[in-house]
């Protein structure tokens, strides 16, 4: 079976989208391609944004591939499943341009994971994957088209317009997902260094992940319907993917993990590789010793936040702020029991 995996040519004109508008590696499509190819199928990624394709250019590429099914993502990459463009204008235009082939169109992303019915109706697509898509699409590929409605984690639009759900959002087995292999051409196109503030980009950047999900439950975070349960990738898999990107010239890495937890084994493995990278984390999880190791490993960007601080935490912050300049303020650390909604489940 042949699959075309499409990342639209994103345009944000008139959008209220506040996320980064530069191209990023479409990790969900990369994993999907890897699983499809491992099962003997053919899969081609058509990345409209990274390749600078127009909607007509995407259609031409897909038409040349002559696929049996098409996948279209409704967010620019896994990095932005938590804060995607709220409107579906660009995916709708992309789906409309690809309907010529008469093959099923499967949409993946946060919109179909949260509101599959409205998403399918607005896009006029056939199937929406609810939750993480890699393993679900691999299951669709080995299932006869007439039986897709029985695949767990999908919503199907019936001929009469009704939407039928089977199960809920799915979570992939991170131990089973392989190290992604991107072509040198793809890596070289990726000039963006996400959340890089210390210096101008020099050389290609890349996104990857060491884990998915988060053990915390902050009320501001839209992770409950996808990428929710915390799961870690095997260290060997993470390093194999990173080394492949380095071989193709990547100089800066952004780990898109919902929360990059302290991992001494990973950090020590990064030190001799002399890379530079950015992370998203909670600062109260780190000791000063591990923060030193994080810097030694090459961290150049930390996006860290707290939802709110408990009364005990505020008292400790106030105490630390009022300490004399030469006091041992370094011994202060944020409280482990933050606000109730941020505590581990």
C-alpha atoms as a PDB file:
ATOM      1  CA  UNK A   1       0.000   0.000   0.000  1.00  0.00           C
ATOM      2  CA  UNK A   2       1.267   3.484  -0.869  1.00  0.00           C
ATOM      3  CA  UNK A   3       0.822   6.415   1.507  1.00  0.00           C
ATOM      4  CA  UNK A   4       1.424  10.131   1.013  1.00  0.00           C
ATOM      5  CA  UNK A   5       2.104  11.917   4.316  1.00  0.00           C
ATOM      6  CA  UNK A   6       1.434  15.634   3.908  1.00  0.00           C
ATOM      7  CA  UNK A   7       2.462  18.588   6.029  1.00  0.00           C
ATOM      8  CA  UNK A   8       0.599  21.574   4.513  1.00  0.00           C
ATOM      9  CA  UNK A   9       2.265  24.702   3.233  1.00  0.00           C
ATOM     10  CA  UNK A  10       1.461  26.710   6.342  1.00  0.00           C
ATOM     11  CA  UNK A  11       0.416  30.316   5.959  1.00  0.00           C
ATOM     12  CA  UNK A  12      -0.512  32.402   8.984  1.00  0.00           C
ATOM     13  CA  UNK A  13      -1.924  35.469   7.245  1.00  0.00           C
ATOM     14  CA  UNK A  14      -4.757  36.851   9.356  1.00  0.00           C
ATOM     15  CA  UNK A  15      -4.255  34.143  11.969  1.00  0.00           C
ATOM     16  CA  UNK A  16      -4.194  34.711  15.720  1.00  0.00           C
ATOM     17  CA  UNK A  17      -1.652  31.866  16.019  1.00  0.00           C
ATOM     18  CA  UNK A  18       1.035  32.824  18.519  1.00  0.00           C
ATOM     19  CA  UNK A  19       3.419  29.888  18.008  1.00  0.00           C
ATOM     20  CA  UNK A  20       6.649  29.817  16.049  1.00  0.00           C
ATOM     21  CA  UNK A  21       5.986  30.163  12.327  1.00  0.00           C
ATOM     22  CA  UNK A  22       9.262  28.703  11.065  1.00  0.00           C
ATOM     23  CA  UNK A  23       9.362  25.178   9.596  1.00  0.00           C
ATOM     24  CA  UNK A  24      10.073  22.298  11.987  1.00  0.00           C
ATOM     25  CA  UNK A  25      10.643  18.620  11.350  1.00  0.00           C
ATOM     26  CA  UNK A  26       7.248  16.837  11.159  1.00  0.00           C
ATOM     27  CA  UNK A  27       8.143  14.160  13.689  1.00  0.00           C
ATOM     28  CA  UNK A  28       4.723  12.469  13.632  1.00  0.00           C
ATOM     29  CA  UNK A  29       5.017  11.933   9.887  1.00  0.00           C
ATOM     30  CA  UNK A  30       8.591  10.704  10.283  1.00  0.00           C
ATOM     31  CA  UNK A  31       7.574   8.004  12.755  1.00  0.00           C
ATOM     32  CA  UNK A  32       4.560   7.084  10.627  1.00  0.00           C
ATOM     33  CA  UNK A  33       6.744   6.628   7.556  1.00  0.00           C
ATOM     34  CA  UNK A  34       9.189   4.482   9.511  1.00  0.00           C
ATOM     35  CA  UNK A  35       6.459   2.150  10.805  1.00  0.00           C
ATOM     36  CA  UNK A  36       4.792   1.881   7.389  1.00  0.00           C
ATOM     37  CA  UNK A  37       8.060   1.060   5.645  1.00  0.00           C
ATOM     38  CA  UNK A  38       8.977  -1.475   8.323  1.00  0.00           C
ATOM     39  CA  UNK A  39       5.686  -3.248   7.537  1.00  0.00           C
ATOM     40  CA  UNK A  40       6.438  -3.362   3.807  1.00  0.00           C
ATOM     41  CA  UNK A  41       4.400  -0.349   2.666  1.00  0.00           C
ATOM     42  CA  UNK A  42       5.587   2.663   0.689  1.00  0.00           C
ATOM     43  CA  UNK A  43       5.392   6.100   2.272  1.00  0.00           C
ATOM     44  CA  UNK A  44       6.488   9.526   1.064  1.00  0.00           C
ATOM     45  CA  UNK A  45       6.547  12.690   3.164  1.00  0.00           C
ATOM     46  CA  UNK A  46       5.477  15.806   1.265  1.00  0.00           C
ATOM     47  CA  UNK A  47       6.424  18.703   3.516  1.00  0.00           C
ATOM     48  CA  UNK A  48       4.851  21.781   2.000  1.00  0.00           C
ATOM     49  CA  UNK A  49       6.279  24.135   4.607  1.00  0.00           C
ATOM     50  CA  UNK A  50       9.884  22.938   4.764  1.00  0.00           C
ATOM     51  CA  UNK A  51      10.095  22.428   0.990  1.00  0.00           C
ATOM     52  CA  UNK A  52       8.415  25.757   0.193  1.00  0.00           C
ATOM     53  CA  UNK A  53       5.669  24.139  -1.892  1.00  0.00           C
ATOM     54  CA  UNK A  54       2.432  25.834  -2.868  1.00  0.00           C
ATOM     55  CA  UNK A  55      -0.822  23.946  -2.446  1.00  0.00           C
ATOM     56  CA  UNK A  56      -0.660  23.142  -6.155  1.00  0.00           C
ATOM     57  CA  UNK A  57       2.914  21.974  -5.663  1.00  0.00           C
ATOM     58  CA  UNK A  58       1.756  19.592  -2.922  1.00  0.00           C
ATOM     59  CA  UNK A  59      -0.974  18.279  -5.207  1.00  0.00           C
ATOM     60  CA  UNK A  60       1.542  17.656  -7.999  1.00  0.00           C
ATOM     61  CA  UNK A  61       3.854  15.741  -5.674  1.00  0.00           C
ATOM     62  CA  UNK A  62       1.012  13.623  -4.329  1.00  0.00           C
ATOM     63  CA  UNK A  63      -0.365  13.033  -7.817  1.00  0.00           C
ATOM     64  CA  UNK A  64       3.047  11.774  -8.961  1.00  0.00           C
ATOM     65  CA  UNK A  65       3.213   9.375  -5.992  1.00  0.00           C
ATOM     66  CA  UNK A  66      -0.187   7.817  -6.883  1.00  0.00           C
ATOM     67  CA  UNK A  67      -0.933   6.847  -3.261  1.00  0.00           C
ATOM     68  CA  UNK A  68      -3.657   4.543  -1.989  1.00  0.00           C
ATOM     69  CA  UNK A  69      -4.270   6.854   0.985  1.00  0.00           C
ATOM     70  CA  UNK A  70      -3.254  10.351   2.084  1.00  0.00           C
ATOM     71  CA  UNK A  71      -2.472  11.664   5.575  1.00  0.00           C
ATOM     72  CA  UNK A  72      -2.736  15.401   6.301  1.00  0.00           C
ATOM     73  CA  UNK A  73      -1.685  16.926   9.617  1.00  0.00           C
ATOM     74  CA  UNK A  74      -3.651  19.826  11.153  1.00  0.00           C
ATOM     75  CA  UNK A  75      -0.695  21.267  13.129  1.00  0.00           C
ATOM     76  CA  UNK A  76       2.769  22.198  11.809  1.00  0.00           C
ATOM     77  CA  UNK A  77       4.521  19.525  13.923  1.00  0.00           C
ATOM     78  CA  UNK A  78       4.246  17.549  17.167  1.00  0.00           C
ATOM     79  CA  UNK A  79       5.944  20.512  18.812  1.00  0.00           C
ATOM     80  CA  UNK A  80       2.734  22.512  18.362  1.00  0.00           C
ATOM     81  CA  UNK A  81       0.053  19.954  19.155  1.00  0.00           C
ATOM     82  CA  UNK A  82      -0.365  21.751  22.491  1.00  0.00           C
ATOM     83  CA  UNK A  83      -0.755  25.174  20.866  1.00  0.00           C
ATOM     84  CA  UNK A  84      -1.816  24.670  17.227  1.00  0.00           C
ATOM     85  CA  UNK A  85      -3.289  27.227  14.858  1.00  0.00           C
ATOM     86  CA  UNK A  86      -6.907  27.492  16.052  1.00  0.00           C
ATOM     87  CA  UNK A  87      -8.348  27.759  12.553  1.00  0.00           C
ATOM     88  CA  UNK A  88      -8.405  24.953   9.967  1.00  0.00           C
ATOM     89  CA  UNK A  89      -8.097  27.130   6.865  1.00  0.00           C
ATOM     90  CA  UNK A  90      -4.768  25.744   5.642  1.00  0.00           C
ATOM     91  CA  UNK A  91      -5.562  22.028   6.234  1.00  0.00           C
ATOM     92  CA  UNK A  92      -8.962  22.569   4.590  1.00  0.00           C
ATOM     93  CA  UNK A  93      -7.352  24.049   1.484  1.00  0.00           C
ATOM     94  CA  UNK A  94      -4.860  21.180   1.402  1.00  0.00           C
ATOM     95  CA  UNK A  95      -7.503  18.465   1.762  1.00  0.00           C
ATOM     96  CA  UNK A  96      -9.653  20.116  -0.921  1.00  0.00           C
ATOM     97  CA  UNK A  97      -6.694  20.127  -3.331  1.00  0.00           C
ATOM     98  CA  UNK A  98      -6.066  16.410  -2.740  1.00  0.00           C
ATOM     99  CA  UNK A  99      -9.610  15.113  -3.108  1.00  0.00           C
ATOM    100  CA  UNK A 100      -9.086  14.669  -6.854  1.00  0.00           C
ATOM    101  CA  UNK A 101      -7.507  11.256  -6.329  1.00  0.00           C
ATOM    102  CA  UNK A 102     -10.585   9.661  -4.809  1.00  0.00           C
ATOM    103  CA  UNK A 103      -8.482   7.919  -2.160  1.00  0.00           C
ATOM    104  CA  UNK A 104      -9.235   8.126   1.577  1.00  0.00           C
ATOM    105  CA  UNK A 105      -7.867  11.180   3.362  1.00  0.00           C
ATOM    106  CA  UNK A 106      -6.844  10.667   6.985  1.00  0.00           C
ATOM    107  CA  UNK A 107      -6.276  13.715   9.172  1.00  0.00           C
ATOM    108  CA  UNK A 108      -4.055  13.648  12.242  1.00  0.00           C
ATOM    109  CA  UNK A 109      -3.408  16.270  14.885  1.00  0.00           C
ATOM    110  CA  UNK A 110      -4.880  17.927  17.961  1.00  0.00           C
ATOM    111  CA  UNK A 111      -8.081  19.097  16.280  1.00  0.00           C
ATOM    112  CA  UNK A 112      -9.279  15.618  15.353  1.00  0.00           C
ATOM    113  CA  UNK A 113      -8.042  14.282  18.679  1.00  0.00           C
ATOM    114  CA  UNK A 114     -10.211  16.715  20.632  1.00  0.00           C
ATOM    115  CA  UNK A 115     -13.202  17.338  18.341  1.00  0.00           C
ATOM    116  CA  UNK A 116     -13.141  14.655  15.636  1.00  0.00           C
ATOM    117  CA  UNK A 117     -16.703  15.270  14.413  1.00  0.00           C
ATOM    118  CA  UNK A 118     -16.416  19.006  13.652  1.00  0.00           C
ATOM    119  CA  UNK A 119     -12.882  18.494  12.306  1.00  0.00           C
ATOM    120  CA  UNK A 120     -13.978  15.854   9.799  1.00  0.00           C
ATOM    121  CA  UNK A 121     -16.983  17.876   8.705  1.00  0.00           C
ATOM    122  CA  UNK A 122     -15.026  21.113   8.282  1.00  0.00           C
ATOM    123  CA  UNK A 123     -12.203  19.427   6.369  1.00  0.00           C
ATOM    124  CA  UNK A 124     -14.463  17.007   4.495  1.00  0.00           C
ATOM    125  CA  UNK A 125     -11.912  14.299   5.246  1.00  0.00           C
ATOM    126  CA  UNK A 126     -12.746  10.615   5.666  1.00  0.00           C
ATOM    127  CA  UNK A 127     -10.943   9.569   8.847  1.00  0.00           C
ATOM    128  CA  UNK A 128      -9.533  11.367  11.878  1.00  0.00           C
ATOM    129  CA  UNK A 129      -6.980   9.731  14.144  1.00  0.00           C
ATOM    130  CA  UNK A 130      -7.622  10.480  17.801  1.00  0.00           C
ATOM    131  CA  UNK A 131      -4.389  10.915  19.742  1.00  0.00           C
ATOM    132  CA  UNK A 132      -0.906   9.923  18.609  1.00  0.00           C
ATOM    133  CA  UNK A 133      -1.120   8.686  15.068  1.00  0.00           C
ATOM    134  CA  UNK A 134       1.883   6.514  14.184  1.00  0.00           C
ATOM    135  CA  UNK A 135       0.678   3.101  15.337  1.00  0.00           C
ATOM    136  CA  UNK A 136      -2.949   3.814  14.376  1.00  0.00           C
ATOM    137  CA  UNK A 137      -1.998   4.547  10.764  1.00  0.00           C
ATOM    138  CA  UNK A 138       0.168   1.424  10.657  1.00  0.00           C
ATOM    139  CA  UNK A 139      -2.914  -0.508  11.780  1.00  0.00           C
ATOM    140  CA  UNK A 140      -5.054   1.139   9.083  1.00  0.00           C
ATOM    141  CA  UNK A 141      -2.464   0.125   6.488  1.00  0.00           C
ATOM    142  CA  UNK A 142      -2.801  -3.565   7.337  1.00  0.00           C
ATOM    143  CA  UNK A 143      -6.598  -3.444   7.647  1.00  0.00           C
ATOM    144  CA  UNK A 144      -8.979  -3.692   4.668  1.00  0.00           C
ATOM    145  CA  UNK A 145     -10.550  -0.308   3.915  1.00  0.00           C
ATOM    146  CA  UNK A 146     -14.022  -1.695   4.587  1.00  0.00           C
ATOM    147  CA  UNK A 147     -12.956  -2.511   8.171  1.00  0.00           C
ATOM    148  CA  UNK A 148     -11.323   0.787   9.113  1.00  0.00           C
ATOM    149  CA  UNK A 149     -14.277   1.686  11.290  1.00  0.00           C
ATOM    150  CA  UNK A 150     -13.221  -1.108  13.658  1.00  0.00           C
ATOM    151  CA  UNK A 151      -9.715   0.282  14.249  1.00  0.00           C
ATOM    152  CA  UNK A 152      -9.336   1.689  17.746  1.00  0.00           C
ATOM    153  CA  UNK A 153      -8.572   5.384  17.885  1.00  0.00           C
ATOM    154  CA  UNK A 154     -10.285   6.555  14.713  1.00  0.00           C
ATOM    155  CA  UNK A 155     -13.383   8.556  13.841  1.00  0.00           C
ATOM    156  CA  UNK A 156     -14.971   7.881  10.451  1.00  0.00           C
ATOM    157  CA  UNK A 157     -17.250  10.171   8.471  1.00  0.00           C
ATOM    158  CA  UNK A 158     -20.113   8.133   7.082  1.00  0.00           C
ATOM    159  CA  UNK A 159     -21.666   8.836   3.631  1.00  0.00           C
ATOM    160  CA  UNK A 160     -24.674  10.451   5.330  1.00  0.00           C
ATOM    161  CA  UNK A 161     -22.372  12.896   7.154  1.00  0.00           C
ATOM    162  CA  UNK A 162     -22.582  11.264  10.567  1.00  0.00           C
ATOM    163  CA  UNK A 163     -19.289  10.645  12.387  1.00  0.00           C
ATOM    164  CA  UNK A 164     -18.674   7.304  14.059  1.00  0.00           C
ATOM    165  CA  UNK A 165     -16.028   7.046  16.814  1.00  0.00           C
ATOM    166  CA  UNK A 166     -14.190   3.900  17.829  1.00  0.00           C
ATOM    167  CA  UNK A 167     -12.347   4.286  21.108  1.00  0.00           C
ATOM    168  CA  UNK A 168     -10.572   7.433  22.265  1.00  0.00           C
ATOM    169  CA  UNK A 169      -7.187   9.121  21.923  1.00  0.00           C
ATOM    170  CA  UNK A 170      -4.300   6.691  21.589  1.00  0.00           C
ATOM    171  CA  UNK A 171      -0.762   6.783  23.006  1.00  0.00           C
ATOM    172  CA  UNK A 172       2.149   5.201  21.163  1.00  0.00           C
ATOM    173  CA  UNK A 173       4.604   2.716  22.651  1.00  0.00           C
ATOM    174  CA  UNK A 174       7.740   4.857  22.803  1.00  0.00           C
ATOM    175  CA  UNK A 175       9.967   1.806  23.214  1.00  0.00           C
ATOM    176  CA  UNK A 176       8.766   0.539  19.830  1.00  0.00           C
ATOM    177  CA  UNK A 177       9.204   3.723  17.792  1.00  0.00           C
ATOM    178  CA  UNK A 178      12.511   3.649  15.896  1.00  0.00           C
ATOM    179  CA  UNK A 179      15.212   6.272  15.609  1.00  0.00           C
ATOM    180  CA  UNK A 180      14.112   8.659  12.862  1.00  0.00           C
ATOM    181  CA  UNK A 181      16.278   8.928   9.761  1.00  0.00           C
ATOM    182  CA  UNK A 182      16.056  12.214   7.888  1.00  0.00           C
ATOM    183  CA  UNK A 183      17.799  12.794   4.574  1.00  0.00           C
ATOM    184  CA  UNK A 184      20.755  15.147   4.410  1.00  0.00           C
ATOM    185  CA  UNK A 185      18.709  17.371   2.087  1.00  0.00           C
ATOM    186  CA  UNK A 186      15.904  17.662   4.656  1.00  0.00           C
ATOM    187  CA  UNK A 187      18.309  18.522   7.469  1.00  0.00           C
ATOM    188  CA  UNK A 188      20.138  21.090   5.373  1.00  0.00           C
ATOM    189  CA  UNK A 189      16.850  22.847   4.606  1.00  0.00           C
ATOM    190  CA  UNK A 190      16.170  23.245   8.331  1.00  0.00           C
ATOM    191  CA  UNK A 191      18.013  26.463   9.174  1.00  0.00           C
ATOM    192  CA  UNK A 192      15.778  27.366  12.126  1.00  0.00           C
ATOM    193  CA  UNK A 193      17.085  27.047  15.713  1.00  0.00           C
ATOM    194  CA  UNK A 194      13.953  26.909  17.845  1.00  0.00           C
ATOM    195  CA  UNK A 195      14.050  29.095  20.975  1.00  0.00           C
ATOM    196  CA  UNK A 196      17.694  29.956  20.345  1.00  0.00           C
ATOM    197  CA  UNK A 197      18.428  33.296  22.027  1.00  0.00           C
ATOM    198  CA  UNK A 198      22.138  33.254  22.886  1.00  0.00           C
ATOM    199  CA  UNK A 199      23.479  33.679  19.338  1.00  0.00           C
ATOM    200  CA  UNK A 200      22.345  33.730  15.696  1.00  0.00           C
ATOM    201  CA  UNK A 201      21.796  30.284  14.109  1.00  0.00           C
ATOM    202  CA  UNK A 202      24.888  28.720  12.607  1.00  0.00           C
ATOM    203  CA  UNK A 203      24.309  25.538  10.648  1.00  0.00           C
ATOM    204  CA  UNK A 204      21.119  23.462  10.483  1.00  0.00           C
ATOM    205  CA  UNK A 205      18.862  22.848  13.452  1.00  0.00           C
ATOM    206  CA  UNK A 206      16.631  19.870  14.225  1.00  0.00           C
ATOM    207  CA  UNK A 207      13.830  18.817  16.542  1.00  0.00           C
ATOM    208  CA  UNK A 208      13.599  15.486  18.304  1.00  0.00           C
ATOM    209  CA  UNK A 209      12.218  14.010  21.512  1.00  0.00           C
ATOM    210  CA  UNK A 210      13.507  11.923  24.400  1.00  0.00           C
ATOM    211  CA  UNK A 211      10.052  11.369  25.937  1.00  0.00           C
ATOM    212  CA  UNK A 212       6.356  12.078  25.556  1.00  0.00           C
ATOM    213  CA  UNK A 213       3.756  13.171  28.026  1.00  0.00           C
ATOM    214  CA  UNK A 214       4.097  14.675  31.447  1.00  0.00           C
ATOM    215  CA  UNK A 215       3.471  13.333  34.970  1.00  0.00           C
ATOM    216  CA  UNK A 216       2.095  16.732  36.004  1.00  0.00           C
ATOM    217  CA  UNK A 217      -1.363  18.159  35.396  1.00  0.00           C
ATOM    218  CA  UNK A 218      -1.212  21.937  35.064  1.00  0.00           C
ATOM    219  CA  UNK A 219      -4.564  23.490  34.260  1.00  0.00           C
ATOM    220  CA  UNK A 220      -3.121  25.632  31.455  1.00  0.00           C
ATOM    221  CA  UNK A 221      -1.724  22.666  29.483  1.00  0.00           C
ATOM    222  CA  UNK A 222      -3.815  21.111  26.697  1.00  0.00           C
ATOM    223  CA  UNK A 223      -2.273  17.653  26.815  1.00  0.00           C
ATOM    224  CA  UNK A 224      -5.106  15.480  28.100  1.00  0.00           C
ATOM    225  CA  UNK A 225      -6.339  14.235  24.710  1.00  0.00           C
ATOM    226  CA  UNK A 226      -2.924  13.488  23.256  1.00  0.00           C
ATOM    227  CA  UNK A 227       0.680  13.124  24.410  1.00  0.00           C
ATOM    228  CA  UNK A 228      -0.541  12.773  27.987  1.00  0.00           C
ATOM    229  CA  UNK A 229       0.914   9.750  29.797  1.00  0.00           C
ATOM    230  CA  UNK A 230       4.662  10.117  30.439  1.00  0.00           C
ATOM    231  CA  UNK A 231       6.782   7.655  28.428  1.00  0.00           C
ATOM    232  CA  UNK A 232      10.515   7.671  27.810  1.00  0.00           C
ATOM    233  CA  UNK A 233      12.416   6.611  24.701  1.00  0.00           C
ATOM    234  CA  UNK A 234      15.290   4.140  25.129  1.00  0.00           C
ATOM    235  CA  UNK A 235      18.581   5.996  25.474  1.00  0.00           C
ATOM    236  CA  UNK A 236      20.181   4.047  22.619  1.00  0.00           C
ATOM    237  CA  UNK A 237      17.334   5.046  20.265  1.00  0.00           C
ATOM    238  CA  UNK A 238      17.595   8.714  21.205  1.00  0.00           C
ATOM    239  CA  UNK A 239      21.350   8.766  20.675  1.00  0.00           C
ATOM    240  CA  UNK A 240      21.123   6.904  17.356  1.00  0.00           C
ATOM    241  CA  UNK A 241      18.676   9.498  16.022  1.00  0.00           C
ATOM    242  CA  UNK A 242      20.755  12.395  17.322  1.00  0.00           C
ATOM    243  CA  UNK A 243      23.961  11.001  15.810  1.00  0.00           C
ATOM    244  CA  UNK A 244      22.239  10.568  12.443  1.00  0.00           C
ATOM    245  CA  UNK A 245      21.209  14.216  12.495  1.00  0.00           C
ATOM    246  CA  UNK A 246      24.742  15.245  13.466  1.00  0.00           C
ATOM    247  CA  UNK A 247      26.141  13.302  10.506  1.00  0.00           C
ATOM    248  CA  UNK A 248      23.927  15.375   8.210  1.00  0.00           C
ATOM    249  CA  UNK A 249      25.177  18.624   9.707  1.00  0.00           C
ATOM    250  CA  UNK A 250      22.670  19.480  12.453  1.00  0.00           C
ATOM    251  CA  UNK A 251      24.304  21.813  14.956  1.00  0.00           C
ATOM    252  CA  UNK A 252      21.457  22.697  17.315  1.00  0.00           C
ATOM    253  CA  UNK A 253      18.747  20.418  18.687  1.00  0.00           C
ATOM    254  CA  UNK A 254      15.458  21.276  20.314  1.00  0.00           C
ATOM    255  CA  UNK A 255      13.938  18.535  22.454  1.00  0.00           C
ATOM    256  CA  UNK A 256      10.186  18.939  22.088  1.00  0.00           C
ATOM    257  CA  UNK A 257       9.376  16.857  25.195  1.00  0.00           C
ATOM    258  CA  UNK A 258       6.384  18.179  27.117  1.00  0.00           C
ATOM    259  CA  UNK A 259       8.745  18.131  30.070  1.00  0.00           C
ATOM    260  CA  UNK A 260      12.461  17.386  29.798  1.00  0.00           C
ATOM    261  CA  UNK A 261      13.080  15.629  33.105  1.00  0.00           C
ATOM    262  CA  UNK A 262      16.553  15.388  34.658  1.00  0.00           C
ATOM    263  CA  UNK A 263      18.320  12.373  33.129  1.00  0.00           C
ATOM    264  CA  UNK A 264      21.937  12.062  34.186  1.00  0.00           C
ATOM    265  CA  UNK A 265      22.686   9.169  31.795  1.00  0.00           C
ATOM    266  CA  UNK A 266      21.448  11.140  28.785  1.00  0.00           C
ATOM    267  CA  UNK A 267      23.226  14.334  29.792  1.00  0.00           C
ATOM    268  CA  UNK A 268      26.534  12.532  30.319  1.00  0.00           C
ATOM    269  CA  UNK A 269      26.144  10.918  26.892  1.00  0.00           C
ATOM    270  CA  UNK A 270      25.636  14.360  25.348  1.00  0.00           C
ATOM    271  CA  UNK A 271      28.739  15.938  26.892  1.00  0.00           C
ATOM    272  CA  UNK A 272      31.317  14.350  24.523  1.00  0.00           C
ATOM    273  CA  UNK A 273      29.085  14.989  21.496  1.00  0.00           C
ATOM    274  CA  UNK A 274      29.541  18.743  21.976  1.00  0.00           C
ATOM    275  CA  UNK A 275      26.097  19.706  20.716  1.00  0.00           C
ATOM    276  CA  UNK A 276      23.914  22.680  21.584  1.00  0.00           C
ATOM    277  CA  UNK A 277      20.256  22.254  22.478  1.00  0.00           C
ATOM    278  CA  UNK A 278      17.122  23.675  24.062  1.00  0.00           C
ATOM    279  CA  UNK A 279      14.516  22.119  26.363  1.00  0.00           C
ATOM    280  CA  UNK A 280      11.163  22.672  28.076  1.00  0.00           C
ATOM    281  CA  UNK A 281      11.146  21.738  31.747  1.00  0.00           C
ATOM    282  CA  UNK A 282      10.140  22.592  35.300  1.00  0.00           C
ATOM    283  CA  UNK A 283      12.970  24.305  37.072  1.00  0.00           C
ATOM    284  CA  UNK A 284      12.018  22.992  40.513  1.00  0.00           C
ATOM    285  CA  UNK A 285      12.900  19.452  39.406  1.00  0.00           C
ATOM    286  CA  UNK A 286      16.589  20.217  38.996  1.00  0.00           C
ATOM    287  CA  UNK A 287      19.355  20.296  41.582  1.00  0.00           C
ATOM    288  CA  UNK A 288      22.196  22.761  41.165  1.00  0.00           C
ATOM    289  CA  UNK A 289      24.526  19.866  40.340  1.00  0.00           C
ATOM    290  CA  UNK A 290      22.249  18.630  37.554  1.00  0.00           C
ATOM    291  CA  UNK A 291      21.834  22.170  36.227  1.00  0.00           C
ATOM    292  CA  UNK A 292      25.618  22.373  35.986  1.00  0.00           C
ATOM    293  CA  UNK A 293      25.611  19.078  34.057  1.00  0.00           C
ATOM    294  CA  UNK A 294      22.805  20.378  31.803  1.00  0.00           C
ATOM    295  CA  UNK A 295      25.003  23.322  30.872  1.00  0.00           C
ATOM    296  CA  UNK A 296      28.046  21.103  30.359  1.00  0.00           C
ATOM    297  CA  UNK A 297      25.969  18.888  28.034  1.00  0.00           C
ATOM    298  CA  UNK A 298      25.313  21.887  25.779  1.00  0.00           C
ATOM    299  CA  UNK A 299      21.976  23.363  26.853  1.00  0.00           C
ATOM    300  CA  UNK A 300      21.551  26.898  25.498  1.00  0.00           C
ATOM    301  CA  UNK A 301      17.822  27.456  25.980  1.00  0.00           C
ATOM    302  CA  UNK A 302      15.458  26.569  28.821  1.00  0.00           C
ATOM    303  CA  UNK A 303      11.751  27.250  28.618  1.00  0.00           C
ATOM    304  CA  UNK A 304      10.524  26.784  32.172  1.00  0.00           C
ATOM    305  CA  UNK A 305       7.427  27.934  33.939  1.00  0.00           C
ATOM    306  CA  UNK A 306       5.200  27.344  36.919  1.00  0.00           C
ATOM    307  CA  UNK A 307       1.439  27.634  37.006  1.00  0.00           C
ATOM    308  CA  UNK A 308       1.330  29.067  40.500  1.00  0.00           C
ATOM    309  CA  UNK A 309       3.195  28.723  43.771  1.00  0.00           C
ATOM    310  CA  UNK A 310       1.853  27.351  47.013  1.00  0.00           C
ATOM    311  CA  UNK A 311       1.784  29.553  50.152  1.00  0.00           C
ATOM    312  CA  UNK A 312       4.792  27.608  51.438  1.00  0.00           C
ATOM    313  CA  UNK A 313       6.601  28.213  48.177  1.00  0.00           C
ATOM    314  CA  UNK A 314       5.870  31.934  48.241  1.00  0.00           C
ATOM    315  CA  UNK A 315       7.235  32.122  51.764  1.00  0.00           C
ATOM    316  CA  UNK A 316      10.471  30.452  50.665  1.00  0.00           C
ATOM    317  CA  UNK A 317      10.820  32.738  47.652  1.00  0.00           C
ATOM    318  CA  UNK A 318      10.240  35.772  49.888  1.00  0.00           C
ATOM    319  CA  UNK A 319      12.788  34.486  52.369  1.00  0.00           C
ATOM    320  CA  UNK A 320      15.387  33.901  49.646  1.00  0.00           C
ATOM    321  CA  UNK A 321      14.794  37.327  48.097  1.00  0.00           C
ATOM    322  CA  UNK A 322      15.326  39.048  51.436  1.00  0.00           C
ATOM    323  CA  UNK A 323      18.530  37.137  52.269  1.00  0.00           C
ATOM    324  CA  UNK A 324      21.706  39.235  52.637  1.00  0.00           C
ATOM    325  CA  UNK A 325      23.820  39.340  49.443  1.00  0.00           C
ATOM    326  CA  UNK A 326      26.488  37.017  50.876  1.00  0.00           C
ATOM    327  CA  UNK A 327      24.061  34.527  52.392  1.00  0.00           C
ATOM    328  CA  UNK A 328      23.835  30.963  51.233  1.00  0.00           C
ATOM    329  CA  UNK A 329      20.956  31.624  48.811  1.00  0.00           C
ATOM    330  CA  UNK A 330      22.337  28.885  46.542  1.00  0.00           C
ATOM    331  CA  UNK A 331      21.011  26.296  48.953  1.00  0.00           C
ATOM    332  CA  UNK A 332      17.445  27.476  48.241  1.00  0.00           C
ATOM    333  CA  UNK A 333      15.340  25.357  45.903  1.00  0.00           C
ATOM    334  CA  UNK A 334      11.739  25.701  44.781  1.00  0.00           C
ATOM    335  CA  UNK A 335       9.222  23.665  46.776  1.00  0.00           C
ATOM    336  CA  UNK A 336       8.595  20.102  45.636  1.00  0.00           C
ATOM    337  CA  UNK A 337       4.910  20.483  46.487  1.00  0.00           C
ATOM    338  CA  UNK A 338       3.825  23.186  44.077  1.00  0.00           C
ATOM    339  CA  UNK A 339       0.208  24.068  43.463  1.00  0.00           C
ATOM    340  CA  UNK A 340      -2.164  21.065  43.681  1.00  0.00           C
ATOM    341  CA  UNK A 341      -2.821  20.999  39.952  1.00  0.00           C
ATOM    342  CA  UNK A 342       0.918  20.726  39.207  1.00  0.00           C
ATOM    343  CA  UNK A 343       1.593  17.738  41.429  1.00  0.00           C
ATOM    344  CA  UNK A 344       2.392  14.417  39.779  1.00  0.00           C
ATOM    345  CA  UNK A 345      -0.616  12.237  39.191  1.00  0.00           C
END
